[in-house]
Amino acid sequence: MSGRLNRRPSDQIERGRERLYARVGRLAALFGRGLGRAELIRKLRGLTEAAASQFAAEEREMSAGGFAGLAEHRLAHQELLHHLDASLAEFRIDGRDFLIAELGAFLRDWLVLHGARADTAWRCAKAANPTVPSLSRCA
């Protein structure tokens, strides 16, 4: 029973990541659909909130596991959230749809690189300490 409980937060992290990737995909698909500015702003704000929530969950798990790279990982999260806020502000001023497409491409690339770099270090650190629940296998 305790093994299952130890894995649950990691499963939640993985599901949260999947939802975040899906949201980014939906954001890119909004380009050229003729949605109103207020609707696009609402969707961008929702994406920012979802990312902040996901990042906080990851950081809590990393903190509980004593991950040495947490400060750097947290900084990467903060920089992305700042970029999202700046993009939302730019869209409010400019309002052109292509900004949504550019942001979707940027986020997709950022999430892939973030997973390949920072999260791999976390998975490997957790693989070296089997008492800490693993996000996935160390690759």
N, C-alpha and C. Protein backbone atom coordinates (compact mmCIF):
# COMPACT_ATOMS: atom_id res chain seq x y z
N MET A 1 0.82 -1.20 0.00
CA MET A 1 0.00 0.00 0.00
C MET A 1 0.86 1.25 0.00
N SER A 2 1.93 1.29 0.81
CA SER A 2 2.74 2.49 0.86
C SER A 2 3.43 2.76 -0.48
N GLY A 3 3.79 1.72 -1.25
CA GLY A 3 4.39 1.91 -2.56
C GLY A 3 3.45 2.63 -3.49
N ARG A 4 2.18 2.27 -3.44
CA ARG A 4 1.21 2.92 -4.29
C ARG A 4 1.04 4.38 -3.90
N LEU A 5 1.02 4.67 -2.61
CA LEU A 5 0.89 6.05 -2.16
C LEU A 5 2.11 6.87 -2.57
N ASN A 6 3.30 6.25 -2.54
CA ASN A 6 4.50 6.97 -2.93
C ASN A 6 4.49 7.33 -4.41
N ARG A 7 3.81 6.55 -5.24
CA ARG A 7 3.78 6.84 -6.68
C ARG A 7 2.69 7.85 -7.05
N ARG A 8 1.70 8.00 -6.23
CA ARG A 8 0.56 8.83 -6.60
C ARG A 8 0.94 10.26 -6.98
N PRO A 9 1.76 10.98 -6.20
CA PRO A 9 2.10 12.34 -6.63
C PRO A 9 2.77 12.37 -8.00
N SER A 10 3.62 11.40 -8.28
CA SER A 10 4.29 11.38 -9.57
C SER A 10 3.30 11.13 -10.70
N ASP A 11 2.33 10.27 -10.46
CA ASP A 11 1.29 10.04 -11.47
C ASP A 11 0.51 11.33 -11.72
N GLN A 12 0.24 12.07 -10.67
CA GLN A 12 -0.47 13.34 -10.82
C GLN A 12 0.37 14.34 -11.61
N ILE A 13 1.66 14.34 -11.36
CA ILE A 13 2.56 15.22 -12.10
C ILE A 13 2.51 14.86 -13.58
N GLU A 14 2.61 13.59 -13.89
CA GLU A 14 2.58 13.17 -15.30
C GLU A 14 1.26 13.53 -15.97
N ARG A 15 0.15 13.30 -15.29
CA ARG A 15 -1.16 13.67 -15.87
C ARG A 15 -1.25 15.18 -16.07
N GLY A 16 -0.72 15.93 -15.11
CA GLY A 16 -0.72 17.39 -15.24
C GLY A 16 0.10 17.85 -16.43
N ARG A 17 1.22 17.20 -16.64
CA ARG A 17 2.05 17.54 -17.81
C ARG A 17 1.30 17.25 -19.10
N GLU A 18 0.65 16.11 -19.15
CA GLU A 18 -0.11 15.76 -20.35
C GLU A 18 -1.20 16.80 -20.62
N ARG A 19 -1.87 17.25 -19.57
CA ARG A 19 -2.91 18.27 -19.74
C ARG A 19 -2.30 19.59 -20.22
N LEU A 20 -1.12 19.93 -19.70
CA LEU A 20 -0.47 21.16 -20.11
C LEU A 20 -0.05 21.09 -21.57
N TYR A 21 0.54 19.95 -22.00
CA TYR A 21 0.90 19.77 -23.41
C TYR A 21 -0.34 19.90 -24.30
N ALA A 22 -1.45 19.30 -23.87
CA ALA A 22 -2.68 19.36 -24.66
C ALA A 22 -3.18 20.79 -24.78
N ARG A 23 -3.08 21.53 -23.69
CA ARG A 23 -3.52 22.94 -23.70
C ARG A 23 -2.69 23.75 -24.67
N VAL A 24 -1.38 23.49 -24.68
CA VAL A 24 -0.50 24.20 -25.61
C VAL A 24 -0.89 23.86 -27.05
N GLY A 25 -1.19 22.59 -27.31
CA GLY A 25 -1.63 22.20 -28.64
C GLY A 25 -2.91 22.89 -29.05
N ARG A 26 -3.83 23.01 -28.10
CA ARG A 26 -5.09 23.70 -28.41
C ARG A 26 -4.86 25.19 -28.65
N LEU A 27 -3.88 25.77 -27.94
CA LEU A 27 -3.58 27.19 -28.14
C LEU A 27 -3.12 27.43 -29.58
N ALA A 28 -2.22 26.60 -30.07
CA ALA A 28 -1.73 26.76 -31.44
C ALA A 28 -2.87 26.58 -32.44
N ALA A 29 -3.81 25.72 -32.13
CA ALA A 29 -4.94 25.46 -33.04
C ALA A 29 -5.91 26.64 -33.10
N LEU A 30 -5.84 27.56 -32.16
CA LEU A 30 -6.74 28.72 -32.14
C LEU A 30 -6.39 29.74 -33.22
N PHE A 31 -5.16 29.68 -33.72
CA PHE A 31 -4.71 30.65 -34.71
C PHE A 31 -5.66 30.66 -35.92
N GLY A 32 -6.11 31.83 -36.27
CA GLY A 32 -6.94 31.99 -37.46
C GLY A 32 -8.38 31.53 -37.33
N ARG A 33 -8.83 31.19 -36.13
CA ARG A 33 -10.21 30.71 -35.97
C ARG A 33 -11.21 31.84 -35.78
N GLY A 34 -10.71 33.05 -35.72
CA GLY A 34 -11.62 34.18 -35.61
C GLY A 34 -12.23 34.37 -34.23
N LEU A 35 -11.60 33.83 -33.20
CA LEU A 35 -12.11 34.04 -31.85
C LEU A 35 -11.91 35.51 -31.48
N GLY A 36 -12.78 36.00 -30.65
CA GLY A 36 -12.65 37.38 -30.19
C GLY A 36 -11.45 37.56 -29.29
N ARG A 37 -11.04 38.78 -29.21
CA ARG A 37 -9.86 39.11 -28.39
C ARG A 37 -10.07 38.71 -26.93
N ALA A 38 -11.24 38.99 -26.38
CA ALA A 38 -11.51 38.65 -24.97
C ALA A 38 -11.41 37.15 -24.74
N GLU A 39 -11.88 36.35 -25.69
CA GLU A 39 -11.82 34.89 -25.56
C GLU A 39 -10.37 34.41 -25.61
N LEU A 40 -9.58 34.97 -26.50
CA LEU A 40 -8.17 34.59 -26.59
C LEU A 40 -7.41 34.98 -25.32
N ILE A 41 -7.71 36.14 -24.79
CA ILE A 41 -7.08 36.58 -23.54
C ILE A 41 -7.46 35.63 -22.41
N ARG A 42 -8.72 35.22 -22.36
CA ARG A 42 -9.17 34.27 -21.33
C ARG A 42 -8.41 32.95 -21.45
N LYS A 43 -8.23 32.48 -22.66
CA LYS A 43 -7.52 31.22 -22.87
C LYS A 43 -6.04 31.34 -22.50
N LEU A 44 -5.42 32.46 -22.84
CA LEU A 44 -4.02 32.67 -22.46
C LEU A 44 -3.87 32.74 -20.94
N ARG A 45 -4.80 33.42 -20.30
CA ARG A 45 -4.76 33.52 -18.84
C ARG A 45 -4.94 32.14 -18.21
N GLY A 46 -5.85 31.34 -18.77
CA GLY A 46 -6.06 29.99 -18.27
C GLY A 46 -4.83 29.11 -18.44
N LEU A 47 -4.15 29.26 -19.57
CA LEU A 47 -2.92 28.50 -19.80
C LEU A 47 -1.85 28.88 -18.79
N THR A 48 -1.72 30.17 -18.53
CA THR A 48 -0.73 30.65 -17.55
C THR A 48 -1.04 30.08 -16.17
N GLU A 49 -2.30 30.09 -15.79
CA GLU A 49 -2.69 29.55 -14.48
C GLU A 49 -2.43 28.05 -14.41
N ALA A 50 -2.72 27.33 -15.49
CA ALA A 50 -2.47 25.88 -15.51
C ALA A 50 -0.98 25.59 -15.41
N ALA A 51 -0.16 26.36 -16.11
CA ALA A 51 1.29 26.17 -16.05
C ALA A 51 1.80 26.45 -14.63
N ALA A 52 1.34 27.53 -14.02
CA ALA A 52 1.78 27.87 -12.66
C ALA A 52 1.40 26.77 -11.68
N SER A 53 0.21 26.22 -11.82
CA SER A 53 -0.23 25.14 -10.94
C SER A 53 0.62 23.89 -11.14
N GLN A 54 0.88 23.53 -12.39
CA GLN A 54 1.69 22.36 -12.69
C GLN A 54 3.11 22.54 -12.14
N PHE A 55 3.68 23.72 -12.36
CA PHE A 55 5.05 23.96 -11.90
C PHE A 55 5.12 23.90 -10.37
N ALA A 56 4.12 24.44 -9.69
CA ALA A 56 4.11 24.39 -8.22
C ALA A 56 4.07 22.95 -7.73
N ALA A 57 3.28 22.10 -8.39
CA ALA A 57 3.21 20.68 -8.00
C ALA A 57 4.56 20.00 -8.21
N GLU A 58 5.20 20.26 -9.34
CA GLU A 58 6.53 19.69 -9.58
C GLU A 58 7.52 20.14 -8.52
N GLU A 59 7.51 21.42 -8.23
CA GLU A 59 8.46 21.97 -7.26
C GLU A 59 8.23 21.42 -5.86
N ARG A 60 6.97 21.20 -5.48
CA ARG A 60 6.69 20.59 -4.17
C ARG A 60 7.28 19.19 -4.10
N GLU A 61 7.09 18.42 -5.17
CA GLU A 61 7.61 17.06 -5.18
C GLU A 61 9.14 17.07 -5.15
N MET A 62 9.74 17.96 -5.90
CA MET A 62 11.19 18.06 -5.92
C MET A 62 11.73 18.47 -4.55
N SER A 63 11.05 19.42 -3.92
CA SER A 63 11.47 19.87 -2.60
C SER A 63 11.38 18.73 -1.59
N ALA A 64 10.29 17.98 -1.63
CA ALA A 64 10.11 16.86 -0.71
C ALA A 64 11.18 15.79 -0.91
N GLY A 65 11.66 15.66 -2.15
CA GLY A 65 12.68 14.67 -2.46
C GLY A 65 14.10 15.17 -2.29
N GLY A 66 14.26 16.44 -1.91
CA GLY A 66 15.59 16.98 -1.70
C GLY A 66 16.40 17.15 -2.99
N PHE A 67 15.73 17.46 -4.10
CA PHE A 67 16.40 17.62 -5.38
C PHE A 67 17.33 18.82 -5.34
N ALA A 68 18.62 18.57 -5.57
CA ALA A 68 19.64 19.63 -5.49
C ALA A 68 19.47 20.70 -6.57
N GLY A 69 18.86 20.37 -7.69
CA GLY A 69 18.69 21.32 -8.78
C GLY A 69 17.40 22.11 -8.72
N LEU A 70 16.73 22.10 -7.57
CA LEU A 70 15.42 22.75 -7.47
C LEU A 70 15.47 24.24 -7.77
N ALA A 71 16.46 24.95 -7.26
CA ALA A 71 16.52 26.41 -7.47
C ALA A 71 16.60 26.74 -8.95
N GLU A 72 17.42 26.03 -9.69
CA GLU A 72 17.56 26.26 -11.13
C GLU A 72 16.26 25.89 -11.86
N HIS A 73 15.66 24.79 -11.45
CA HIS A 73 14.41 24.33 -12.06
C HIS A 73 13.30 25.36 -11.81
N ARG A 74 13.23 25.84 -10.58
CA ARG A 74 12.22 26.84 -10.23
C ARG A 74 12.43 28.12 -11.03
N LEU A 75 13.69 28.53 -11.22
CA LEU A 75 13.99 29.72 -12.00
C LEU A 75 13.50 29.57 -13.44
N ALA A 76 13.69 28.39 -14.03
CA ALA A 76 13.20 28.14 -15.39
C ALA A 76 11.68 28.29 -15.45
N HIS A 77 11.00 27.78 -14.43
CA HIS A 77 9.54 27.92 -14.37
C HIS A 77 9.15 29.40 -14.27
N GLN A 78 9.83 30.14 -13.40
CA GLN A 78 9.51 31.56 -13.22
C GLN A 78 9.74 32.35 -14.51
N GLU A 79 10.82 32.02 -15.22
CA GLU A 79 11.10 32.71 -16.48
C GLU A 79 10.01 32.44 -17.52
N LEU A 80 9.54 31.20 -17.58
CA LEU A 80 8.47 30.90 -18.53
C LEU A 80 7.19 31.63 -18.15
N LEU A 81 6.85 31.63 -16.88
CA LEU A 81 5.63 32.32 -16.45
C LEU A 81 5.73 33.82 -16.74
N HIS A 82 6.91 34.39 -16.57
CA HIS A 82 7.11 35.80 -16.92
C HIS A 82 6.90 36.00 -18.42
N HIS A 83 7.42 35.08 -19.23
CA HIS A 83 7.24 35.17 -20.67
C HIS A 83 5.76 35.10 -21.04
N LEU A 84 5.02 34.21 -20.38
CA LEU A 84 3.58 34.10 -20.64
C LEU A 84 2.86 35.40 -20.29
N ASP A 85 3.21 35.97 -19.14
CA ASP A 85 2.61 37.25 -18.73
C ASP A 85 2.92 38.35 -19.74
N ALA A 86 4.18 38.40 -20.20
CA ALA A 86 4.58 39.41 -21.18
C ALA A 86 3.85 39.20 -22.50
N SER A 87 3.68 37.94 -22.89
CA SER A 87 2.97 37.65 -24.14
C SER A 87 1.51 38.07 -24.03
N LEU A 88 0.90 37.84 -22.89
CA LEU A 88 -0.49 38.26 -22.68
C LEU A 88 -0.59 39.77 -22.76
N ALA A 89 0.35 40.47 -22.14
CA ALA A 89 0.34 41.94 -22.20
C ALA A 89 0.52 42.42 -23.63
N GLU A 90 1.43 41.79 -24.38
CA GLU A 90 1.64 42.17 -25.78
C GLU A 90 0.39 41.92 -26.61
N PHE A 91 -0.27 40.79 -26.38
CA PHE A 91 -1.48 40.49 -27.13
C PHE A 91 -2.59 41.49 -26.81
N ARG A 92 -2.68 41.90 -25.56
CA ARG A 92 -3.70 42.88 -25.19
C ARG A 92 -3.50 44.19 -25.94
N ILE A 93 -2.24 44.56 -26.16
CA ILE A 93 -1.93 45.81 -26.87
C ILE A 93 -2.06 45.62 -28.38
N ASP A 94 -1.46 44.54 -28.89
CA ASP A 94 -1.36 44.34 -30.33
C ASP A 94 -2.62 43.64 -30.89
N GLY A 95 -3.00 42.54 -30.26
CA GLY A 95 -4.21 41.84 -30.64
C GLY A 95 -4.15 41.00 -31.91
N ARG A 96 -3.00 40.86 -32.50
CA ARG A 96 -2.91 40.09 -33.75
C ARG A 96 -2.83 38.59 -33.46
N ASP A 97 -3.61 37.81 -34.21
CA ASP A 97 -3.68 36.36 -34.02
C ASP A 97 -2.34 35.66 -34.14
N PHE A 98 -1.45 36.16 -35.00
CA PHE A 98 -0.19 35.44 -35.20
C PHE A 98 0.61 35.35 -33.91
N LEU A 99 0.38 36.26 -32.96
CA LEU A 99 1.07 36.18 -31.67
C LEU A 99 0.69 34.88 -30.94
N ILE A 100 -0.55 34.44 -31.12
CA ILE A 100 -1.00 33.19 -30.51
C ILE A 100 -0.24 32.02 -31.11
N ALA A 101 -0.10 32.00 -32.43
CA ALA A 101 0.62 30.92 -33.10
C ALA A 101 2.09 30.91 -32.67
N GLU A 102 2.70 32.08 -32.59
CA GLU A 102 4.10 32.16 -32.16
C GLU A 102 4.25 31.66 -30.73
N LEU A 103 3.33 32.04 -29.86
CA LEU A 103 3.40 31.61 -28.47
C LEU A 103 3.22 30.10 -28.37
N GLY A 104 2.29 29.53 -29.13
CA GLY A 104 2.09 28.08 -29.11
C GLY A 104 3.35 27.34 -29.52
N ALA A 105 4.01 27.81 -30.58
CA ALA A 105 5.25 27.17 -31.02
C ALA A 105 6.35 27.32 -29.98
N PHE A 106 6.46 28.51 -29.40
CA PHE A 106 7.46 28.74 -28.37
C PHE A 106 7.24 27.80 -27.17
N LEU A 107 5.99 27.71 -26.71
CA LEU A 107 5.68 26.87 -25.55
C LEU A 107 5.96 25.39 -25.83
N ARG A 108 5.58 24.93 -27.00
CA ARG A 108 5.85 23.53 -27.35
C ARG A 108 7.36 23.26 -27.29
N ASP A 109 8.14 24.13 -27.90
CA ASP A 109 9.59 23.95 -27.89
C ASP A 109 10.15 24.04 -26.47
N TRP A 110 9.67 25.01 -25.70
CA TRP A 110 10.16 25.19 -24.34
C TRP A 110 9.88 23.95 -23.49
N LEU A 111 8.67 23.43 -23.57
CA LEU A 111 8.31 22.27 -22.77
C LEU A 111 9.13 21.04 -23.15
N VAL A 112 9.40 20.86 -24.43
CA VAL A 112 10.21 19.73 -24.87
C VAL A 112 11.63 19.86 -24.32
N LEU A 113 12.23 21.04 -24.48
CA LEU A 113 13.60 21.24 -23.99
C LEU A 113 13.66 21.16 -22.47
N HIS A 114 12.66 21.72 -21.81
CA HIS A 114 12.61 21.67 -20.35
C HIS A 114 12.56 20.22 -19.88
N GLY A 115 11.74 19.42 -20.52
CA GLY A 115 11.65 18.01 -20.16
C GLY A 115 12.95 17.27 -20.44
N ALA A 116 13.59 17.60 -21.54
CA ALA A 116 14.83 16.90 -21.91
C ALA A 116 15.99 17.28 -21.01
N ARG A 117 15.99 18.49 -20.50
CA ARG A 117 17.13 18.95 -19.69
C ARG A 117 16.85 18.85 -18.18
N ALA A 118 16.03 19.75 -17.70
CA ALA A 118 15.82 19.86 -16.25
C ALA A 118 15.13 18.64 -15.67
N ASP A 119 14.10 18.16 -16.33
CA ASP A 119 13.36 17.04 -15.77
C ASP A 119 14.14 15.74 -15.83
N THR A 120 15.00 15.58 -16.84
CA THR A 120 15.83 14.38 -16.90
C THR A 120 16.76 14.34 -15.69
N ALA A 121 17.31 15.49 -15.32
CA ALA A 121 18.18 15.53 -14.13
C ALA A 121 17.40 15.11 -12.89
N TRP A 122 16.15 15.55 -12.78
CA TRP A 122 15.32 15.17 -11.63
C TRP A 122 15.01 13.68 -11.64
N ARG A 123 14.65 13.15 -12.80
CA ARG A 123 14.35 11.72 -12.88
C ARG A 123 15.58 10.89 -12.52
N CYS A 124 16.74 11.31 -13.00
CA CYS A 124 17.96 10.56 -12.71
C CYS A 124 18.31 10.63 -11.23
N ALA A 125 18.12 11.79 -10.62
CA ALA A 125 18.38 11.92 -9.18
C ALA A 125 17.44 11.02 -8.40
N LYS A 126 16.19 10.94 -8.83
CA LYS A 126 15.21 10.09 -8.15
C LYS A 126 15.52 8.62 -8.39
N ALA A 127 16.02 8.29 -9.57
CA ALA A 127 16.36 6.89 -9.85
C ALA A 127 17.50 6.43 -8.95
N ALA A 128 18.39 7.36 -8.60
CA ALA A 128 19.51 7.02 -7.71
C ALA A 128 19.04 6.85 -6.27
N ASN A 129 17.85 7.35 -5.93
CA ASN A 129 17.30 7.24 -4.59
C ASN A 129 15.92 6.62 -4.68
N PRO A 130 15.83 5.28 -4.61
CA PRO A 130 14.55 4.61 -4.82
C PRO A 130 13.48 4.92 -3.76
N THR A 131 13.84 5.56 -2.67
CA THR A 131 12.83 5.89 -1.66
C THR A 131 11.99 7.09 -2.06
N VAL A 132 12.44 7.84 -3.07
CA VAL A 132 11.71 9.00 -3.57
C VAL A 132 10.88 8.57 -4.77
N PRO A 133 9.60 8.91 -4.82
CA PRO A 133 8.79 8.48 -5.97
C PRO A 133 9.34 9.05 -7.26
N SER A 134 9.38 8.23 -8.29
CA SER A 134 9.97 8.64 -9.57
C SER A 134 8.92 9.18 -10.52
N LEU A 135 9.28 10.26 -11.24
CA LEU A 135 8.39 10.81 -12.26
C LEU A 135 8.31 9.86 -13.44
N SER A 136 9.38 9.25 -13.80
CA SER A 136 9.43 8.22 -14.82
C SER A 136 10.86 7.67 -14.82
N ARG A 137 11.14 6.80 -15.73
CA ARG A 137 12.47 6.20 -15.75
C ARG A 137 13.53 7.22 -16.15
N CYS A 138 14.72 7.06 -15.59
CA CYS A 138 15.85 7.91 -15.96
C CYS A 138 16.28 7.53 -17.36
N ALA A 139 16.27 8.50 -18.28
CA ALA A 139 16.61 8.22 -19.66
C ALA A 139 17.98 8.73 -20.01
